[in-house]
Protein backbone atom coordinates (compact mmCIF):
# COMPACT_ATOMS: atom_id res chain seq x y z
CA MET A 1 133.38 -61.38 66.35
CA LYS A 2 136.29 -63.30 68.26
CA PRO A 3 135.87 -66.95 69.21
CA ASP A 4 135.53 -65.72 72.54
CA ASP A 5 132.40 -64.17 72.03
CA VAL A 6 130.41 -67.11 70.47
CA PRO A 7 127.81 -68.66 72.86
CA PRO A 8 128.57 -72.33 73.73
CA ASP A 9 125.71 -73.93 72.12
CA VAL A 10 126.32 -72.35 68.38
CA SER A 11 127.98 -74.89 66.62
CA PRO A 12 130.99 -74.41 64.26
CA ALA A 13 128.95 -75.06 61.26
CA ALA A 14 126.59 -72.34 62.52
CA LEU A 15 129.89 -70.05 61.77
CA ASN A 16 131.03 -71.06 58.60
CA PRO A 17 127.99 -71.18 56.46
CA GLU A 18 128.11 -73.74 53.25
CA LYS A 19 129.76 -72.36 50.65
CA ASP A 20 128.34 -72.77 46.77
CA PRO A 21 130.66 -75.14 44.90
CA ASP A 22 131.42 -72.93 42.27
CA GLU A 23 133.12 -70.30 45.22
CA TRP A 24 135.36 -73.90 46.30
CA VAL A 25 139.07 -72.52 46.35
CA THR A 26 139.51 -76.49 45.00
CA LYS A 27 136.61 -76.29 43.12
CA ASP A 28 138.32 -77.64 40.04
CA GLU A 29 140.43 -80.37 41.62
CA PRO A 30 139.14 -84.57 40.55
CA MET A 31 136.54 -85.52 42.78
CA THR A 32 137.47 -87.00 46.53
CA GLY A 33 137.57 -90.49 46.45
CA PRO A 34 134.55 -90.62 49.19
CA GLN A 35 132.91 -88.12 46.75
CA ARG A 36 133.40 -90.65 43.67
CA SER A 37 132.24 -93.91 45.81
CA TYR A 38 129.00 -92.24 46.57
CA LEU A 39 128.42 -90.96 42.92
CA GLN A 40 128.77 -94.49 41.92
CA THR A 41 125.98 -95.94 44.18
CA LEU A 42 123.63 -92.74 43.72
CA CYS A 43 124.22 -93.31 39.60
CA ARG A 44 123.62 -96.46 40.06
CA GLU A 45 120.54 -96.33 41.93
CA ALA A 46 119.15 -93.47 39.53
CA ARG A 47 120.25 -95.42 36.55
CA GLU A 48 122.32 -92.64 35.50
CA GLU A 49 125.89 -92.77 33.71
CA PHE A 50 128.92 -92.04 36.45
CA ASN A 51 131.74 -89.60 35.00
CA GLU A 52 134.93 -90.51 35.99
CA ASN A 53 136.12 -86.87 35.63
CA TRP A 54 133.84 -84.68 37.62
CA THR A 55 135.52 -82.18 39.73
CA LYS A 56 134.66 -81.38 43.19
CA ALA A 57 132.71 -78.67 42.58
CA GLU A 58 130.32 -80.74 39.77
CA ALA A 59 130.53 -84.04 41.80
CA SER A 60 128.87 -82.15 44.83
CA LYS A 61 126.45 -81.16 42.66
CA LYS A 62 125.67 -84.07 41.20
CA ILE A 63 125.87 -85.13 44.30
CA GLU A 64 122.48 -82.84 45.28
CA GLU A 65 120.84 -83.39 42.16
CA LEU A 66 121.22 -87.55 42.73
CA GLN A 67 119.91 -87.41 46.26
CA GLN A 68 116.92 -85.66 45.19
CA LYS A 69 116.08 -88.18 42.55
CA THR A 70 116.58 -90.96 44.83
CA GLY A 71 114.79 -89.83 47.91
CA ARG A 72 118.73 -90.25 49.80
CA GLY A 73 119.04 -86.25 50.37
CA LYS A 74 117.84 -84.42 53.61
CA GLY A 75 114.06 -84.33 53.11
CA GLY A 76 114.64 -85.55 49.50
CA THR A 77 111.55 -87.93 48.03
CA ALA A 78 112.24 -90.07 44.63
CA ASN A 79 110.34 -88.86 41.98
CA SER A 80 110.43 -92.35 40.26
């Protein structure tokens, strides 16, 4: 599909579906600053230990897990 073939109402995200964190090229790099900050908040709310050494991929997975646990995620509901 050429860029000109894309209908104007299709978002860029729809053309680039979310990849599994294990497939990321940068998966083994240290987590980003925003990931660190958000994870610290989620861990505190979920009463879970924060790990300073999570990689980008591990942090992404943990964010998804904790969003579900705390009810902060997309359609998530807290289980506590």
